[in-house]
Amino acid sequence: MNVLDNFPEPIKLKKLMEIHALLNIVLCRDEWIRYHSFFPEWKDKTSMAKIDNGAGDHLFILFAPQGTIIKGFDHESKLSPYARDEHEIWPGIYERVPKELFGLLEDEAINNEDVTFCIWRKNCDLWWQKGKVEIPDGEEDGSNFLLGTIYQTPEDFVEFAKDYFDLTPSCLFEVYEMDDNFSSQFTHEGHLAFSEEVRTIRVLRVIYGELTKLKSLGLEDFKKKWGYDFPLEHYYRMSEAIANLRNLKSD
């Protein structure tokens, strides 16, 4: 089955990518290892989502006022420029892409020449569009593979996360006491209050609880203390994510 047959419309897709990115932040401390990322204010009123599996395959999604465009690259696909003698882009991939959307790909960070498929959807379109590409028999352009890593149900994301992040049902949770509750000291400068093996869901609840305490300071006082705005949108999305995990546990 073609993954585009059930691919979400741009508004839902954007929300999914935001949730995916937030969960990646919660589950993975190292930014360079995260599979899904989201940049709400990438440039010129455009948001960018990125998928990078660390094995040479990637996906960029650009959400702009004029529409949404997705550029994917499967390094093992025969449609890859690196599989061709002249390193040329496979014919038809960018065929019929609207200029106002293709212009979003003209950025060094995206590298539009590394591509095996491209799909787009203008605001006036009723479905996703794709250029006329002749794919050799038995070959794939990577779209089913990469678009399939956008998980539309909590169950599917949990299965992915268990494998990619090597999750275990419990983790080591340590609490340190500092001279100042809002200290930025490294943990070795503080006093270890307690250390305990706890279930992952409990850790998430603790993190959420601490964020709630910071929020209760007031948004203005938080900014004065830390120098930046409280991540209110992500706070609410974390609340939704925890609610979804609770629902999964009860199912």
Protein backbone atom coordinates (compact mmCIF):
# COMPACT_ATOMS: atom_id res chain seq x y z
CA MET A 1 0.00 0.00 0.00
CA ASN A 2 1.22 3.51 -0.82
CA VAL A 3 1.88 5.42 2.41
CA LEU A 4 0.40 8.56 0.83
CA ASP A 5 -3.01 6.90 0.75
CA ASN A 6 -3.38 7.49 4.50
CA PHE A 7 -0.90 10.33 4.95
CA PRO A 8 -2.22 13.09 7.26
CA GLU A 9 -3.10 16.55 5.99
CA PRO A 10 -0.61 19.35 6.78
CA ILE A 11 -2.27 20.62 9.99
CA LYS A 12 -2.31 17.16 11.57
CA LEU A 13 1.15 16.37 10.19
CA LYS A 14 2.61 19.47 11.83
CA LYS A 15 1.09 18.55 15.18
CA LEU A 16 2.41 15.00 14.91
CA MET A 17 5.92 16.24 14.19
CA GLU A 18 5.80 18.63 17.15
CA ILE A 19 4.73 15.78 19.44
CA HIS A 20 7.37 13.44 18.00
CA ALA A 21 10.08 16.04 18.56
CA LEU A 22 8.96 16.74 22.13
CA LEU A 23 8.97 13.05 23.01
CA ASN A 24 12.45 12.73 21.50
CA ILE A 25 13.63 15.55 23.79
CA VAL A 26 12.15 13.77 26.81
CA LEU A 27 13.63 10.40 25.86
CA CYS A 28 17.05 11.49 24.62
CA ARG A 29 19.44 13.96 26.24
CA ASP A 30 21.79 14.14 23.22
CA GLU A 31 20.36 16.28 20.45
CA TRP A 32 22.48 14.70 17.72
CA ILE A 33 20.96 11.25 18.42
CA ARG A 34 17.32 12.35 18.26
CA TYR A 35 15.34 10.86 15.41
CA HIS A 36 12.66 13.55 15.12
CA SER A 37 13.27 17.30 15.46
CA PHE A 38 11.06 20.35 15.08
CA PHE A 39 11.97 24.02 14.63
CA PRO A 40 8.83 26.18 14.97
CA GLU A 41 10.48 29.41 13.81
CA TRP A 42 13.00 28.16 11.30
CA LYS A 43 12.86 31.18 8.95
CA ASP A 44 10.43 33.56 7.23
CA LYS A 45 7.27 32.33 9.01
CA THR A 46 8.24 28.77 8.10
CA SER A 47 8.49 25.83 10.51
CA MET A 48 10.75 22.87 9.78
CA ALA A 49 10.54 19.26 10.91
CA LYS A 50 13.41 16.85 10.37
CA ILE A 51 13.83 13.10 10.56
CA ASP A 52 17.37 11.72 10.67
CA ASN A 53 18.03 8.07 11.43
CA GLY A 54 21.78 8.53 11.74
CA ALA A 55 22.41 6.02 8.96
CA GLY A 56 22.42 8.42 6.02
CA ASP A 57 18.66 8.73 5.46
CA HIS A 58 16.74 11.91 6.19
CA LEU A 59 13.50 13.77 5.68
CA PHE A 60 12.78 17.51 5.73
CA ILE A 61 9.27 18.92 6.07
CA LEU A 62 8.71 22.65 5.62
CA PHE A 63 5.45 24.19 6.78
CA ALA A 64 4.95 27.62 5.21
CA PRO A 65 2.04 30.02 4.70
CA GLN A 66 1.91 29.02 1.02
CA GLY A 67 1.85 25.27 1.67
CA THR A 68 3.91 22.28 2.78
CA ILE A 69 6.77 20.49 1.01
CA ILE A 70 8.63 17.30 1.95
CA LYS A 71 12.05 16.28 0.67
CA GLY A 72 13.33 12.80 1.44
CA PHE A 73 16.59 10.96 0.86
CA ASP A 74 17.10 7.20 1.09
CA HIS A 75 20.82 6.60 0.64
CA GLU A 76 20.25 2.98 -0.46
CA SER A 77 17.71 3.84 -3.14
CA LYS A 78 18.71 3.43 -6.78
CA LEU A 79 17.18 6.89 -7.30
CA SER A 80 19.92 8.48 -5.22
CA PRO A 81 22.16 10.89 -7.16
CA TYR A 82 25.14 8.97 -5.79
CA ALA A 83 23.95 5.84 -7.59
CA ARG A 84 24.18 7.67 -10.95
CA ASP A 85 27.32 8.24 -12.99
CA GLU A 86 26.94 12.03 -13.14
CA HIS A 87 25.43 12.37 -9.66
CA GLU A 88 22.32 13.90 -11.20
CA ILE A 89 18.92 14.21 -9.55
CA TRP A 90 16.58 11.48 -10.79
CA PRO A 91 14.29 12.81 -13.56
CA GLY A 92 10.85 13.95 -12.49
CA ILE A 93 11.43 14.26 -8.74
CA TYR A 94 11.08 18.05 -8.76
CA GLU A 95 8.83 18.12 -11.81
CA ARG A 96 5.75 20.33 -11.30
CA VAL A 97 6.86 21.51 -7.84
CA PRO A 98 5.41 25.03 -7.43
CA LYS A 99 8.14 27.69 -7.45
CA GLU A 100 6.95 29.18 -4.17
CA LEU A 101 7.41 25.81 -2.47
CA PHE A 102 10.60 24.73 -4.22
CA GLY A 103 12.19 27.98 -3.07
CA LEU A 104 11.90 26.70 0.50
CA LEU A 105 14.36 23.93 -0.34
CA GLU A 106 17.04 26.33 -1.55
CA ASP A 107 18.95 26.38 1.70
CA GLU A 108 22.35 24.88 2.46
CA ALA A 109 20.98 23.16 5.57
CA ILE A 110 18.56 21.17 3.40
CA ASN A 111 20.77 20.38 0.38
CA ASN A 112 18.03 19.81 -2.21
CA GLU A 113 20.39 17.78 -4.40
CA ASP A 114 20.36 14.91 -1.89
CA VAL A 115 16.91 13.64 -2.78
CA THR A 116 15.11 10.47 -3.82
CA PHE A 117 11.55 11.76 -3.51
CA CYS A 118 9.59 14.96 -3.03
CA ILE A 119 5.93 15.55 -2.25
CA TRP A 120 4.06 18.78 -1.62
CA ARG A 121 0.68 20.26 -0.94
CA LYS A 122 -0.38 23.85 -1.57
CA ASN A 123 -3.10 25.26 0.66
CA CYS A 124 -5.59 25.00 -2.19
CA ASP A 125 -4.76 21.33 -2.91
CA LEU A 126 -7.08 18.57 -1.76
CA TRP A 127 -4.36 15.90 -1.68
CA TRP A 128 -0.59 15.48 -1.71
CA GLN A 129 1.22 15.95 -5.03
CA LYS A 130 4.20 14.12 -6.47
CA GLY A 131 6.17 14.49 -9.70
CA LYS A 132 6.01 11.95 -12.52
CA VAL A 133 8.88 9.66 -11.61
CA GLU A 134 9.57 6.38 -13.38
CA ILE A 135 10.88 4.00 -10.75
CA PRO A 136 12.60 0.85 -12.04
CA ASP A 137 10.86 -2.44 -11.27
CA GLY A 138 11.78 -3.76 -7.86
CA GLU A 139 13.17 -0.44 -6.66
CA GLU A 140 11.90 2.09 -4.11
CA ASP A 141 12.34 5.84 -3.73
CA GLY A 142 12.35 5.62 0.06
CA SER A 143 9.04 7.44 0.56
CA ASN A 144 7.20 4.49 2.11
CA PHE A 145 10.14 3.85 4.41
CA LEU A 146 10.76 7.42 5.60
CA LEU A 147 7.18 8.68 5.69
CA GLY A 148 6.40 5.52 7.61
CA THR A 149 8.54 6.83 10.48
CA ILE A 150 5.87 9.46 11.15
CA TYR A 151 3.76 7.56 13.65
CA GLN A 152 0.07 8.36 13.75
CA THR A 153 -0.82 6.42 16.90
CA PRO A 154 0.77 6.37 20.38
CA GLU A 155 1.14 2.61 20.13
CA ASP A 156 3.26 2.86 16.99
CA PHE A 157 5.49 5.55 18.49
CA VAL A 158 6.01 3.49 21.66
CA GLU A 159 7.11 0.49 19.61
CA PHE A 160 9.54 2.69 17.66
CA ALA A 161 10.91 4.33 20.82
CA LYS A 162 11.48 1.00 22.58
CA ASP A 163 13.73 -0.11 19.74
CA TYR A 164 15.49 3.13 18.75
CA PHE A 165 16.12 4.50 22.24
CA ASP A 166 16.60 1.04 23.76
CA LEU A 167 14.04 1.85 26.46
CA THR A 168 13.71 -0.24 29.57
CA PRO A 169 10.73 -0.20 31.95
CA SER A 170 12.85 1.47 34.64
CA CYS A 171 15.78 3.84 34.90
CA LEU A 172 18.13 5.27 37.53
CA PHE A 173 16.63 8.43 39.05
CA GLU A 174 18.90 10.62 41.18
CA VAL A 175 18.02 13.80 43.06
CA TYR A 176 20.70 16.29 44.08
CA GLU A 177 20.48 19.08 46.64
CA MET A 178 22.06 22.39 45.68
CA ASP A 179 22.79 25.55 47.63
CA ASP A 180 20.20 27.26 45.42
CA ASN A 181 17.09 25.47 44.16
CA PHE A 182 17.50 27.27 40.84
CA SER A 183 21.22 26.61 40.60
CA SER A 184 22.91 25.77 37.32
CA GLN A 185 25.67 23.88 39.16
CA PHE A 186 26.82 20.55 37.81
CA THR A 187 25.50 17.55 39.73
CA HIS A 188 28.95 16.73 41.18
CA GLU A 189 28.84 20.08 42.99
CA GLY A 190 25.66 19.12 44.79
CA HIS A 191 24.74 16.57 47.45
CA LEU A 192 23.06 13.35 46.33
CA ALA A 193 19.78 13.23 48.24
CA PHE A 194 18.68 9.82 47.02
CA SER A 195 19.10 7.37 44.17
CA GLU A 196 16.45 4.89 43.13
CA GLU A 197 15.44 2.64 40.25
CA VAL A 198 12.03 3.86 39.14
CA ARG A 199 9.63 3.23 36.26
CA THR A 200 10.02 5.53 33.27
CA ILE A 201 6.47 6.84 33.56
CA ARG A 202 7.25 7.97 37.11
CA VAL A 203 10.28 9.89 35.87
CA LEU A 204 8.14 11.66 33.29
CA ARG A 205 5.63 12.59 35.97
CA VAL A 206 8.40 13.98 38.16
CA ILE A 207 9.76 16.08 35.28
CA TYR A 208 6.28 17.36 34.54
CA GLY A 209 5.71 18.13 38.21
CA GLU A 210 8.90 20.16 38.43
CA LEU A 211 7.97 22.09 35.30
CA THR A 212 4.60 22.80 36.87
CA LYS A 213 6.35 24.28 39.89
CA LEU A 214 8.41 26.54 37.63
CA LYS A 215 5.26 27.58 35.78
CA SER A 216 3.59 28.48 39.07
CA LEU A 217 6.24 31.16 39.62
CA GLY A 218 4.49 33.17 36.94
CA LEU A 219 5.62 33.62 33.35
CA GLU A 220 7.12 37.06 33.94
CA ASP A 221 9.06 36.00 37.04
CA PHE A 222 10.29 32.89 35.24
CA LYS A 223 11.70 35.02 32.41
CA LYS A 224 13.39 37.37 34.88
CA LYS A 225 14.98 34.42 36.67
CA TRP A 226 16.10 32.41 33.64
CA GLY A 227 16.36 35.00 30.89
CA TYR A 228 13.97 33.34 28.43
CA ASP A 229 10.29 32.55 28.09
CA PHE A 230 8.77 29.53 29.80
CA PRO A 231 8.19 26.83 27.11
CA LEU A 232 4.43 27.00 27.57
CA GLU A 233 3.45 25.29 24.32
CA HIS A 234 5.81 22.37 24.92
CA TYR A 235 4.62 22.15 28.54
CA TYR A 236 1.06 21.57 27.37
CA ARG A 237 2.22 19.09 24.74
CA MET A 238 4.12 17.15 27.41
CA SER A 239 0.88 17.06 29.40
CA GLU A 240 -0.86 15.55 26.36
CA ALA A 241 1.96 13.04 25.88
CA ILE A 242 1.74 11.85 29.50
CA ALA A 243 -2.03 11.55 29.17
CA ASN A 244 -1.54 9.40 26.08
CA LEU A 245 0.93 7.17 27.94
CA ARG A 246 -1.58 6.78 30.77
CA ASN A 247 -4.22 5.77 28.25
CA LEU A 248 -1.86 3.19 26.77
CA LYS A 249 -1.23 1.72 30.21
CA SER A 250 -4.95 1.41 30.89
CA ASP A 251 -5.75 -0.19 27.49
